[in-house]
Every structure is written in structure tokens, then in C-alpha cells.
Amino acid sequence: MESRIAKFRIGQVVKHRKFPFRGVIFDVDPVFNNTEDWWLAIPADVRPSKDQPYYHLLAENAETEYLAYVSEQNLLPDDSGQPVRHPQVRDMFDVGGDGTNKLRATSQFS
């Protein structure tokens, strides 16, 4: 599989193209790097290809916060300027007043 250059960056706030959730990127895989069972659980008619970047998100929807693993084709930039409320965001990032997130050098996840 040939990997591509990631379109989004760590610390960027993104939203899902089809589902109502958004999040902060905290890691990027150049190509799919999850279990085959996880990938096959996605309905075939909407299953993304494996040969693209996949992003680990500190995600949120209207009800809860969670971790998400999302293909690049299903993400869009979130230009709302609203901070992501996921509780781990402040553990991993220095959050700017303009909604930007800079990965902390001393993050427990680095």
C-alpha cells in the first residue's frame, strides 16, 4: 500500500463529513492501522479504502466524548472556532484563544 501525505495535522479540529461529531486530531496513521474486524464492521457500501491516512481523534458529539478513528475521506476542517470539550484535550494540548491546539512537549501521550 502506498501512503499519502496527510491533509490534516495534529492539533487541528475536524468534523465528520457524514456523522454529527467533531474532534481534535492527536495522531495520524499514513494508512489504515486498525483491526480487520473493525474495518469489516463498517457497511461495505460506505467502507473507506485502507490506502489513505487515518486519524485518531479526541471526539465529541451532542451526548458524549470518546476516541474515534476516521479515514481522511470522511473528514472536513471544522472552522467554527469552538473549542472541543473532550476532557483529554487540555492534557495533550495547549489550547489557544483562537481555537488552535498545540501539542504539549510533556504530553502523557507523546
PDB file of N, CA and C in Angstrom:
ATOM      1  N   MET A   1       0.831  -1.192   0.000  1.00  0.00           N
ATOM      2  CA  MET A   1       0.000   0.000   0.000  1.00  0.00           C
ATOM      3  C   MET A   1       0.871   1.249   0.000  1.00  0.00           C
ATOM      4  N   GLU A   2       0.547   2.163  -0.833  1.00  0.00           N
ATOM      5  CA  GLU A   2       1.286   3.413  -0.897  1.00  0.00           C
ATOM      6  C   GLU A   2       0.595   4.435  -0.002  1.00  0.00           C
ATOM      7  N   SER A   3       1.380   5.071   0.887  1.00  0.00           N
ATOM      8  CA  SER A   3       0.779   6.072   1.767  1.00  0.00           C
ATOM      9  C   SER A   3       0.815   7.442   1.103  1.00  0.00           C
ATOM     10  N   ARG A   4      -0.097   8.288   1.544  1.00  0.00           N
ATOM     11  CA  ARG A   4      -0.179   9.644   1.021  1.00  0.00           C
ATOM     12  C   ARG A   4       0.185  10.628   2.123  1.00  0.00           C
ATOM     13  N   ILE A   5       0.440  11.832   1.736  1.00  0.00           N
ATOM     14  CA  ILE A   5       0.693  12.895   2.702  1.00  0.00           C
ATOM     15  C   ILE A   5      -0.632  13.256   3.364  1.00  0.00           C
ATOM     16  N   ALA A   6      -0.617  13.353   4.688  1.00  0.00           N
ATOM     17  CA  ALA A   6      -1.835  13.673   5.435  1.00  0.00           C
ATOM     18  C   ALA A   6      -2.297  15.091   5.110  1.00  0.00           C
ATOM     19  N   LYS A   7      -3.582  15.230   4.916  1.00  0.00           N
ATOM     20  CA  LYS A   7      -4.204  16.521   4.594  1.00  0.00           C
ATOM     21  C   LYS A   7      -4.387  17.375   5.851  1.00  0.00           C
ATOM     22  N   PHE A   8      -4.623  16.704   6.986  1.00  0.00           N
ATOM     23  CA  PHE A   8      -4.859  17.398   8.255  1.00  0.00           C
ATOM     24  C   PHE A   8      -3.668  17.206   9.184  1.00  0.00           C
ATOM     25  N   ARG A   9      -3.571  18.030  10.222  1.00  0.00           N
ATOM     26  CA  ARG A   9      -2.409  17.991  11.116  1.00  0.00           C
ATOM     27  C   ARG A   9      -2.832  17.734  12.567  1.00  0.00           C
ATOM     28  N   ILE A  10      -1.883  17.265  13.338  1.00  0.00           N
ATOM     29  CA  ILE A  10      -2.115  17.060  14.765  1.00  0.00           C
ATOM     30  C   ILE A  10      -2.467  18.400  15.399  1.00  0.00           C
ATOM     31  N   GLY A  11      -3.509  18.385  16.221  1.00  0.00           N
ATOM     32  CA  GLY A  11      -3.992  19.601  16.874  1.00  0.00           C
ATOM     33  C   GLY A  11      -5.123  20.285  16.127  1.00  0.00           C
ATOM     34  N   GLN A  12      -5.344  19.912  14.882  1.00  0.00           N
ATOM     35  CA  GLN A  12      -6.403  20.532  14.085  1.00  0.00           C
ATOM     36  C   GLN A  12      -7.768  19.999  14.512  1.00  0.00           C
ATOM     37  N   VAL A  13      -8.763  20.889  14.521  1.00  0.00           N
ATOM     38  CA  VAL A  13     -10.143  20.497  14.805  1.00  0.00           C
ATOM     39  C   VAL A  13     -10.811  20.164  13.471  1.00  0.00           C
ATOM     40  N   VAL A  14     -11.403  18.971  13.418  1.00  0.00           N
ATOM     41  CA  VAL A  14     -12.065  18.491  12.210  1.00  0.00           C
ATOM     42  C   VAL A  14     -13.469  18.000  12.565  1.00  0.00           C
ATOM     43  N   LYS A  15     -14.273  17.820  11.522  1.00  0.00           N
ATOM     44  CA  LYS A  15     -15.611  17.262  11.725  1.00  0.00           C
ATOM     45  C   LYS A  15     -15.814  16.147  10.719  1.00  0.00           C
ATOM     46  N   HIS A  16     -16.710  15.238  11.062  1.00  0.00           N
ATOM     47  CA  HIS A  16     -17.002  14.121  10.160  1.00  0.00           C
ATOM     48  C   HIS A  16     -17.883  14.611   9.019  1.00  0.00           C
ATOM     49  N   ARG A  17     -17.617  14.106   7.864  1.00  0.00           N
ATOM     50  CA  ARG A  17     -18.346  14.502   6.655  1.00  0.00           C
ATOM     51  C   ARG A  17     -19.806  14.045   6.687  1.00  0.00           C
ATOM     52  N   LYS A  18     -20.093  12.893   7.307  1.00  0.00           N
ATOM     53  CA  LYS A  18     -21.441  12.317   7.260  1.00  0.00           C
ATOM     54  C   LYS A  18     -22.145  12.263   8.610  1.00  0.00           C
ATOM     55  N   PHE A  19     -21.393  12.152   9.690  1.00  0.00           N
ATOM     56  CA  PHE A  19     -21.989  11.976  11.012  1.00  0.00           C
ATOM     57  C   PHE A  19     -21.745  13.203  11.887  1.00  0.00           C
ATOM     58  N   PRO A  20     -22.643  13.475  12.831  1.00  0.00           N
ATOM     59  CA  PRO A  20     -22.546  14.708  13.629  1.00  0.00           C
ATOM     60  C   PRO A  20     -21.561  14.610  14.794  1.00  0.00           C
ATOM     61  N   PHE A  21     -20.269  14.538  14.457  1.00  0.00           N
ATOM     62  CA  PHE A  21     -19.259  14.642  15.503  1.00  0.00           C
ATOM     63  C   PHE A  21     -18.045  15.371  14.980  1.00  0.00           C
ATOM     64  N   ARG A  22     -17.270  15.861  15.923  1.00  0.00           N
ATOM     65  CA  ARG A  22     -16.048  16.613  15.612  1.00  0.00           C
ATOM     66  C   ARG A  22     -14.995  16.236  16.633  1.00  0.00           C
ATOM     67  N   GLY A  23     -13.755  16.665  16.396  1.00  0.00           N
ATOM     68  CA  GLY A  23     -12.711  16.345  17.350  1.00  0.00           C
ATOM     69  C   GLY A  23     -11.382  16.972  17.001  1.00  0.00           C
ATOM     70  N   VAL A  24     -10.429  16.754  17.902  1.00  0.00           N
ATOM     71  CA  VAL A  24      -9.060  17.230  17.720  1.00  0.00           C
ATOM     72  C   VAL A  24      -8.196  16.033  17.339  1.00  0.00           C
ATOM     73  N   ILE A  25      -7.408  16.181  16.289  1.00  0.00           N
ATOM     74  CA  ILE A  25      -6.501  15.117  15.855  1.00  0.00           C
ATOM     75  C   ILE A  25      -5.335  15.031  16.825  1.00  0.00           C
ATOM     76  N   PHE A  26      -5.076  13.799  17.340  1.00  0.00           N
ATOM     77  CA  PHE A  26      -3.914  13.633  18.216  1.00  0.00           C
ATOM     78  C   PHE A  26      -2.897  12.639  17.668  1.00  0.00           C
ATOM     79  N   ASP A  27      -3.226  11.954  16.572  1.00  0.00           N
ATOM     80  CA  ASP A  27      -2.268  11.052  15.930  1.00  0.00           C
ATOM     81  C   ASP A  27      -2.753  10.772  14.516  1.00  0.00           C
ATOM     82  N   VAL A  28      -1.804  10.392  13.651  1.00  0.00           N
ATOM     83  CA  VAL A  28      -2.135  10.094  12.253  1.00  0.00           C
ATOM     84  C   VAL A  28      -1.414   8.817  11.849  1.00  0.00           C
ATOM     85  N   ASP A  29      -2.145   7.922  11.194  1.00  0.00           N
ATOM     86  CA  ASP A  29      -1.552   6.737  10.568  1.00  0.00           C
ATOM     87  C   ASP A  29      -1.524   7.001   9.070  1.00  0.00           C
ATOM     88  N   PRO A  30      -0.375   6.811   8.399  1.00  0.00           N
ATOM     89  CA  PRO A  30      -0.298   7.086   6.960  1.00  0.00           C
ATOM     90  C   PRO A  30      -1.253   6.217   6.139  1.00  0.00           C
ATOM     91  N   VAL A  31      -1.532   5.007   6.618  1.00  0.00           N
ATOM     92  CA  VAL A  31      -2.526   4.116   6.018  1.00  0.00           C
ATOM     93  C   VAL A  31      -3.259   3.433   7.168  1.00  0.00           C
ATOM     94  N   PHE A  32      -4.335   2.745   6.864  1.00  0.00           N
ATOM     95  CA  PHE A  32      -5.138   2.052   7.862  1.00  0.00           C
ATOM     96  C   PHE A  32      -4.266   1.191   8.774  1.00  0.00           C
ATOM     97  N   ASN A  33      -4.487   1.321  10.085  1.00  0.00           N
ATOM     98  CA  ASN A  33      -3.697   0.560  11.048  1.00  0.00           C
ATOM     99  C   ASN A  33      -4.582   0.154  12.238  1.00  0.00           C
ATOM    100  N   ASN A  34      -5.696  -0.466  11.926  1.00  0.00           N
ATOM    101  CA  ASN A  34      -6.602  -0.965  12.951  1.00  0.00           C
ATOM    102  C   ASN A  34      -6.876  -2.429  12.613  1.00  0.00           C
ATOM    103  N   THR A  35      -7.759  -3.068  13.347  1.00  0.00           N
ATOM    104  CA  THR A  35      -8.012  -4.495  13.108  1.00  0.00           C
ATOM    105  C   THR A  35      -8.884  -4.712  11.878  1.00  0.00           C
ATOM    106  N   GLU A  36      -8.735  -5.870  11.297  1.00  0.00           N
ATOM    107  CA  GLU A  36      -9.566  -6.247  10.154  1.00  0.00           C
ATOM    108  C   GLU A  36     -11.038  -6.318  10.570  1.00  0.00           C
ATOM    109  N   ASP A  37     -11.295  -6.802  11.774  1.00  0.00           N
ATOM    110  CA  ASP A  37     -12.675  -6.870  12.279  1.00  0.00           C
ATOM    111  C   ASP A  37     -13.301  -5.486  12.354  1.00  0.00           C
ATOM    112  N   TRP A  38     -12.518  -4.494  12.817  1.00  0.00           N
ATOM    113  CA  TRP A  38     -13.019  -3.121  12.898  1.00  0.00           C
ATOM    114  C   TRP A  38     -13.414  -2.636  11.506  1.00  0.00           C
ATOM    115  N   TRP A  39     -12.526  -2.853  10.545  1.00  0.00           N
ATOM    116  CA  TRP A  39     -12.767  -2.391   9.176  1.00  0.00           C
ATOM    117  C   TRP A  39     -13.967  -3.094   8.552  1.00  0.00           C
ATOM    118  N   LEU A  40     -14.073  -4.410   8.764  1.00  0.00           N
ATOM    119  CA  LEU A  40     -15.181  -5.174   8.182  1.00  0.00           C
ATOM    120  C   LEU A  40     -16.518  -4.864   8.839  1.00  0.00           C
ATOM    121  N   ALA A  41     -16.503  -4.295  10.035  1.00  0.00           N
ATOM    122  CA  ALA A  41     -17.746  -3.914  10.718  1.00  0.00           C
ATOM    123  C   ALA A  41     -18.417  -2.711  10.056  1.00  0.00           C
ATOM    124  N   ILE A  42     -17.666  -1.990   9.242  1.00  0.00           N
ATOM    125  CA  ILE A  42     -18.232  -0.846   8.510  1.00  0.00           C
ATOM    126  C   ILE A  42     -19.009  -1.396   7.315  1.00  0.00           C
ATOM    127  N   PRO A  43     -20.243  -0.957   7.119  1.00  0.00           N
ATOM    128  CA  PRO A  43     -21.018  -1.460   5.968  1.00  0.00           C
ATOM    129  C   PRO A  43     -20.242  -1.273   4.656  1.00  0.00           C
ATOM    130  N   ALA A  44     -20.247  -2.318   3.835  1.00  0.00           N
ATOM    131  CA  ALA A  44     -19.448  -2.332   2.605  1.00  0.00           C
ATOM    132  C   ALA A  44     -19.715  -1.145   1.695  1.00  0.00           C
ATOM    133  N   ASP A  45     -20.956  -0.660   1.657  1.00  0.00           N
ATOM    134  CA  ASP A  45     -21.279   0.432   0.742  1.00  0.00           C
ATOM    135  C   ASP A  45     -20.700   1.774   1.190  1.00  0.00           C
ATOM    136  N   VAL A  46     -20.243   1.878   2.430  1.00  0.00           N
ATOM    137  CA  VAL A  46     -19.627   3.125   2.907  1.00  0.00           C
ATOM    138  C   VAL A  46     -18.219   2.892   3.479  1.00  0.00           C
ATOM    139  N   ARG A  47     -17.701   1.687   3.349  1.00  0.00           N
ATOM    140  CA  ARG A  47     -16.384   1.350   3.897  1.00  0.00           C
ATOM    141  C   ARG A  47     -15.291   2.098   3.139  1.00  0.00           C
ATOM    142  N   PRO A  48     -14.478   2.883   3.853  1.00  0.00           N
ATOM    143  CA  PRO A  48     -13.404   3.620   3.178  1.00  0.00           C
ATOM    144  C   PRO A  48     -12.241   2.705   2.801  1.00  0.00           C
ATOM    145  N   SER A  49     -11.462   3.141   1.836  1.00  0.00           N
ATOM    146  CA  SER A  49     -10.284   2.370   1.449  1.00  0.00           C
ATOM    147  C   SER A  49      -9.230   2.456   2.546  1.00  0.00           C
ATOM    148  N   LYS A  50      -8.354   1.476   2.560  1.00  0.00           N
ATOM    149  CA  LYS A  50      -7.302   1.425   3.583  1.00  0.00           C
ATOM    150  C   LYS A  50      -6.080   2.269   3.203  1.00  0.00           C
ATOM    151  N   ASP A  51      -5.921   2.598   1.933  1.00  0.00           N
ATOM    152  CA  ASP A  51      -4.709   3.261   1.454  1.00  0.00           C
ATOM    153  C   ASP A  51      -4.815   4.786   1.495  1.00  0.00           C
ATOM    154  N   GLN A  52      -5.158   5.290   2.650  1.00  0.00           N
ATOM    155  CA  GLN A  52      -5.245   6.734   2.874  1.00  0.00           C
ATOM    156  C   GLN A  52      -4.916   6.981   4.341  1.00  0.00           C
ATOM    157  N   PRO A  53      -4.588   8.217   4.699  1.00  0.00           N
ATOM    158  CA  PRO A  53      -4.349   8.497   6.118  1.00  0.00           C
ATOM    159  C   PRO A  53      -5.608   8.268   6.960  1.00  0.00           C
ATOM    160  N   TYR A  54      -5.382   7.777   8.177  1.00  0.00           N
ATOM    161  CA  TYR A  54      -6.440   7.612   9.177  1.00  0.00           C
ATOM    162  C   TYR A  54      -6.035   8.416  10.397  1.00  0.00           C
ATOM    163  N   TYR A  55      -7.012   9.052  11.019  1.00  0.00           N
ATOM    164  CA  TYR A  55      -6.760   9.995  12.096  1.00  0.00           C
ATOM    165  C   TYR A  55      -7.373   9.514  13.414  1.00  0.00           C
ATOM    166  N   HIS A  56      -6.608   9.681  14.479  1.00  0.00           N
ATOM    167  CA  HIS A  56      -7.087   9.410  15.833  1.00  0.00           C
ATOM    168  C   HIS A  56      -7.594  10.743  16.387  1.00  0.00           C
ATOM    169  N   LEU A  57      -8.845  10.754  16.838  1.00  0.00           N
ATOM    170  CA  LEU A  57      -9.462  11.992  17.319  1.00  0.00           C
ATOM    171  C   LEU A  57      -9.896  11.888  18.767  1.00  0.00           C
ATOM    172  N   LEU A  58      -9.736  12.989  19.486  1.00  0.00           N
ATOM    173  CA  LEU A  58     -10.434  13.199  20.748  1.00  0.00           C
ATOM    174  C   LEU A  58     -11.766  13.785  20.307  1.00  0.00           C
ATOM    175  N   ALA A  59     -12.785  12.956  20.255  1.00  0.00           N
ATOM    176  CA  ALA A  59     -14.032  13.310  19.578  1.00  0.00           C
ATOM    177  C   ALA A  59     -15.161  13.617  20.547  1.00  0.00           C
ATOM    178  N   GLU A  60     -16.163  14.295  20.004  1.00  0.00           N
ATOM    179  CA  GLU A  60     -17.368  14.609  20.776  1.00  0.00           C
ATOM    180  C   GLU A  60     -18.553  14.690  19.836  1.00  0.00           C
ATOM    181  N   ASN A  61     -19.717  14.337  20.385  1.00  0.00           N
ATOM    182  CA  ASN A  61     -20.979  14.605  19.714  1.00  0.00           C
ATOM    183  C   ASN A  61     -21.870  15.302  20.739  1.00  0.00           C
ATOM    184  N   ALA A  62     -23.127  15.423  20.476  1.00  0.00           N
ATOM    185  CA  ALA A  62     -24.017  16.156  21.387  1.00  0.00           C
ATOM    186  C   ALA A  62     -24.129  15.482  22.750  1.00  0.00           C
ATOM    187  N   GLU A  63     -23.946  14.165  22.803  1.00  0.00           N
ATOM    188  CA  GLU A  63     -24.158  13.433  24.045  1.00  0.00           C
ATOM    189  C   GLU A  63     -22.900  13.127  24.850  1.00  0.00           C
ATOM    190  N   THR A  64     -21.768  12.888  24.193  1.00  0.00           N
ATOM    191  CA  THR A  64     -20.617  12.334  24.916  1.00  0.00           C
ATOM    192  C   THR A  64     -19.292  12.667  24.244  1.00  0.00           C
ATOM    193  N   GLU A  65     -18.209  12.295  24.915  1.00  0.00           N
ATOM    194  CA  GLU A  65     -16.854  12.426  24.380  1.00  0.00           C
ATOM    195  C   GLU A  65     -16.267  11.024  24.272  1.00  0.00           C
ATOM    196  N   TYR A  66     -15.421  10.806  23.282  1.00  0.00           N
ATOM    197  CA  TYR A  66     -14.864   9.469  23.045  1.00  0.00           C
ATOM    198  C   TYR A  66     -13.666   9.579  22.112  1.00  0.00           C
ATOM    199  N   LEU A  67     -13.002   8.454  21.849  1.00  0.00           N
ATOM    200  CA  LEU A  67     -11.923   8.396  20.872  1.00  0.00           C
ATOM    201  C   LEU A  67     -12.500   7.868  19.567  1.00  0.00           C
ATOM    202  N   ALA A  68     -12.063   8.427  18.454  1.00  0.00           N
ATOM    203  CA  ALA A  68     -12.539   7.990  17.143  1.00  0.00           C
ATOM    204  C   ALA A  68     -11.346   7.749  16.221  1.00  0.00           C
ATOM    205  N   TYR A  69     -11.538   6.869  15.265  1.00  0.00           N
ATOM    206  CA  TYR A  69     -10.537   6.546  14.241  1.00  0.00           C
ATOM    207  C   TYR A  69     -11.236   6.743  12.901  1.00  0.00           C
ATOM    208  N   VAL A  70     -10.782   7.730  12.119  1.00  0.00           N
ATOM    209  CA  VAL A  70     -11.541   8.159  10.950  1.00  0.00           C
ATOM    210  C   VAL A  70     -10.630   8.293   9.728  1.00  0.00           C
ATOM    211  N   SER A  71     -11.127   7.832   8.587  1.00  0.00           N
ATOM    212  CA  SER A  71     -10.394   7.964   7.328  1.00  0.00           C
ATOM    213  C   SER A  71     -10.390   9.418   6.868  1.00  0.00           C
ATOM    214  N   GLU A  72      -9.343   9.773   6.150  1.00  0.00           N
ATOM    215  CA  GLU A  72      -9.228  11.142   5.651  1.00  0.00           C
ATOM    216  C   GLU A  72     -10.422  11.538   4.787  1.00  0.00           C
ATOM    217  N   GLN A  73     -10.923  10.621   3.959  1.00  0.00           N
ATOM    218  CA  GLN A  73     -12.027  10.960   3.053  1.00  0.00           C
ATOM    219  C   GLN A  73     -13.289  11.353   3.801  1.00  0.00           C
ATOM    220  N   ASN A  74     -13.393  11.002   5.079  1.00  0.00           N
ATOM    221  CA  ASN A  74     -14.595  11.313   5.853  1.00  0.00           C
ATOM    222  C   ASN A  74     -14.432  12.519   6.777  1.00  0.00           C
ATOM    223  N   LEU A  75     -13.349  13.270   6.621  1.00  0.00           N
ATOM    224  CA  LEU A  75     -13.133  14.437   7.473  1.00  0.00           C
ATOM    225  C   LEU A  75     -13.137  15.735   6.676  1.00  0.00           C
ATOM    226  N   LEU A  76     -13.570  16.777   7.353  1.00  0.00           N
ATOM    227  CA  LEU A  76     -13.541  18.147   6.830  1.00  0.00           C
ATOM    228  C   LEU A  76     -12.977  19.045   7.928  1.00  0.00           C
ATOM    229  N   PRO A  77     -12.355  20.157   7.565  1.00  0.00           N
ATOM    230  CA  PRO A  77     -11.916  21.098   8.603  1.00  0.00           C
ATOM    231  C   PRO A  77     -13.135  21.638   9.355  1.00  0.00           C
ATOM    232  N   ASP A  78     -12.988  21.843  10.652  1.00  0.00           N
ATOM    233  CA  ASP A  78     -14.042  22.490  11.442  1.00  0.00           C
ATOM    234  C   ASP A  78     -13.585  23.918  11.656  1.00  0.00           C
ATOM    235  N   ASP A  79     -14.243  24.843  11.003  1.00  0.00           N
ATOM    236  CA  ASP A  79     -13.862  26.251  11.069  1.00  0.00           C
ATOM    237  C   ASP A  79     -14.734  27.042  12.040  1.00  0.00           C
ATOM    238  N   SER A  80     -15.427  26.345  12.945  1.00  0.00           N
ATOM    239  CA  SER A  80     -16.343  27.022  13.864  1.00  0.00           C
ATOM    240  C   SER A  80     -15.608  27.885  14.891  1.00  0.00           C
ATOM    241  N   GLY A  81     -14.337  27.551  15.174  1.00  0.00           N
ATOM    242  CA  GLY A  81     -13.597  28.287  16.195  1.00  0.00           C
ATOM    243  C   GLY A  81     -13.988  27.882  17.606  1.00  0.00           C
ATOM    244  N   GLN A  82     -14.919  26.951  17.748  1.00  0.00           N
ATOM    245  CA  GLN A  82     -15.361  26.488  19.058  1.00  0.00           C
ATOM    246  C   GLN A  82     -14.387  25.457  19.601  1.00  0.00           C
ATOM    247  N   PRO A  83     -14.034  25.541  20.885  1.00  0.00           N
ATOM    248  CA  PRO A  83     -13.135  24.534  21.451  1.00  0.00           C
ATOM    249  C   PRO A  83     -13.831  23.177  21.547  1.00  0.00           C
ATOM    250  N   VAL A  84     -13.044  22.124  21.495  1.00  0.00           N
ATOM    251  CA  VAL A  84     -13.565  20.773  21.685  1.00  0.00           C
ATOM    252  C   VAL A  84     -13.567  20.507  23.182  1.00  0.00           C
ATOM    253  N   ARG A  85     -14.678  20.005  23.718  1.00  0.00           N
ATOM    254  CA  ARG A  85     -14.816  19.854  25.168  1.00  0.00           C
ATOM    255  C   ARG A  85     -14.246  18.546  25.714  1.00  0.00           C
ATOM    256  N   HIS A  86     -13.747  17.664  24.857  1.00  0.00           N
ATOM    257  CA  HIS A  86     -13.203  16.380  25.315  1.00  0.00           C
ATOM    258  C   HIS A  86     -12.223  16.643  26.454  1.00  0.00           C
ATOM    259  N   PRO A  87     -12.350  15.922  27.592  1.00  0.00           N
ATOM    260  CA  PRO A  87     -11.514  16.217  28.761  1.00  0.00           C
ATOM    261  C   PRO A  87     -10.018  16.007  28.549  1.00  0.00           C
ATOM    262  N   GLN A  88      -9.609  15.194  27.591  1.00  0.00           N
ATOM    263  CA  GLN A  88      -8.180  14.956  27.383  1.00  0.00           C
ATOM    264  C   GLN A  88      -7.506  16.027  26.519  1.00  0.00           C
ATOM    265  N   VAL A  89      -8.286  16.904  25.902  1.00  0.00           N
ATOM    266  CA  VAL A  89      -7.689  17.938  25.055  1.00  0.00           C
ATOM    267  C   VAL A  89      -6.688  18.766  25.859  1.00  0.00           C
ATOM    268  N   ARG A  90      -7.077  19.206  27.042  1.00  0.00           N
ATOM    269  CA  ARG A  90      -6.182  20.054  27.847  1.00  0.00           C
ATOM    270  C   ARG A  90      -5.021  19.270  28.447  1.00  0.00           C
ATOM    271  N   ASP A  91      -5.124  17.948  28.504  1.00  0.00           N
ATOM    272  CA  ASP A  91      -3.999  17.121  28.951  1.00  0.00           C
ATOM    273  C   ASP A  91      -2.928  17.023  27.866  1.00  0.00           C
ATOM    274  N   MET A  92      -3.357  17.021  26.613  1.00  0.00           N
ATOM    275  CA  MET A  92      -2.444  16.800  25.496  1.00  0.00           C
ATOM    276  C   MET A  92      -1.988  18.066  24.793  1.00  0.00           C
ATOM    277  N   PHE A  93      -2.824  19.123  24.857  1.00  0.00           N
ATOM    278  CA  PHE A  93      -2.572  20.312  24.054  1.00  0.00           C
ATOM    279  C   PHE A  93      -2.614  21.581  24.896  1.00  0.00           C
ATOM    280  N   ASP A  94      -1.867  22.579  24.445  1.00  0.00           N
ATOM    281  CA  ASP A  94      -2.058  23.946  24.917  1.00  0.00           C
ATOM    282  C   ASP A  94      -3.094  24.547  23.980  1.00  0.00           C
ATOM    283  N   VAL A  95      -4.212  24.954  24.544  1.00  0.00           N
ATOM    284  CA  VAL A  95      -5.328  25.446  23.744  1.00  0.00           C
ATOM    285  C   VAL A  95      -5.242  26.961  23.627  1.00  0.00           C
ATOM    286  N   GLY A  96      -5.192  27.446  22.388  1.00  0.00           N
ATOM    287  CA  GLY A  96      -5.110  28.878  22.149  1.00  0.00           C
ATOM    288  C   GLY A  96      -6.485  29.523  22.174  1.00  0.00           C
ATOM    289  N   GLY A  97      -6.525  30.819  22.406  1.00  0.00           N
ATOM    290  CA  GLY A  97      -7.772  31.564  22.424  1.00  0.00           C
ATOM    291  C   GLY A  97      -8.474  31.574  21.080  1.00  0.00           C
ATOM    292  N   ASP A  98      -7.720  31.289  20.016  1.00  0.00           N
ATOM    293  CA  ASP A  98      -8.300  31.285  18.672  1.00  0.00           C
ATOM    294  C   ASP A  98      -8.770  29.892  18.249  1.00  0.00           C
ATOM    295  N   GLY A  99      -8.799  28.949  19.210  1.00  0.00           N
ATOM    296  CA  GLY A  99      -9.254  27.598  18.901  1.00  0.00           C
ATOM    297  C   GLY A  99      -8.162  26.674  18.390  1.00  0.00           C
ATOM    298  N   THR A 100      -6.917  27.152  18.332  1.00  0.00           N
ATOM    299  CA  THR A 100      -5.825  26.292  17.896  1.00  0.00           C
ATOM    300  C   THR A 100      -5.341  25.426  19.057  1.00  0.00           C
ATOM    301  N   ASN A 101      -4.752  24.291  18.726  1.00  0.00           N
ATOM    302  CA  ASN A 101      -4.261  23.354  19.718  1.00  0.00           C
ATOM    303  C   ASN A 101      -2.821  22.996  19.385  1.00  0.00           C
ATOM    304  N   LYS A 102      -1.920  23.264  20.325  1.00  0.00           N
ATOM    305  CA  LYS A 102      -0.511  22.950  20.120  1.00  0.00           C
ATOM    306  C   LYS A 102      -0.148  21.805  21.055  1.00  0.00           C
ATOM    307  N   LEU A 103       0.356  20.710  20.473  1.00  0.00           N
ATOM    308  CA  LEU A 103       0.722  19.538  21.257  1.00  0.00           C
ATOM    309  C   LEU A 103       1.757  19.908  22.317  1.00  0.00           C
ATOM    310  N   ARG A 104       1.493  19.503  23.532  1.00  0.00           N
ATOM    311  CA  ARG A 104       2.436  19.777  24.617  1.00  0.00           C
ATOM    312  C   ARG A 104       3.644  18.846  24.506  1.00  0.00           C
ATOM    313  N   ALA A 105       4.817  19.387  24.733  1.00  0.00           N
ATOM    314  CA  ALA A 105       6.039  18.577  24.702  1.00  0.00           C
ATOM    315  C   ALA A 105       6.035  17.528  25.805  1.00  0.00           C
ATOM    316  N   THR A 106       5.341  17.827  26.900  1.00  0.00           N
ATOM    317  CA  THR A 106       5.309  16.913  28.039  1.00  0.00           C
ATOM    318  C   THR A 106       4.005  16.135  28.100  1.00  0.00           C
ATOM    319  N   SER A 107       3.295  16.056  26.998  1.00  0.00           N
ATOM    320  CA  SER A 107       2.022  15.326  26.977  1.00  0.00           C
ATOM    321  C   SER A 107       2.244  13.884  27.385  1.00  0.00           C
ATOM    322  N   GLN A 108       1.320  13.334  28.145  1.00  0.00           N
ATOM    323  CA  GLN A 108       1.419  11.934  28.552  1.00  0.00           C
ATOM    324  C   GLN A 108       1.271  11.006  27.366  1.00  0.00           C
ATOM    325  N   PHE A 109       0.864  11.517  26.205  1.00  0.00           N
ATOM    326  CA  PHE A 109       0.645  10.691  25.032  1.00  0.00           C
ATOM    327  C   PHE A 109       1.789  10.784  24.030  1.00  0.00           C
ATOM    328  N   SER A 110       2.775  11.625  24.288  1.00  0.00           N
ATOM    329  CA  SER A 110       3.840  11.770  23.292  1.00  0.00           C
ATOM    330  C   SER A 110       4.915  10.733  23.461  1.00  0.00           C
TER     331      SER A 110
END
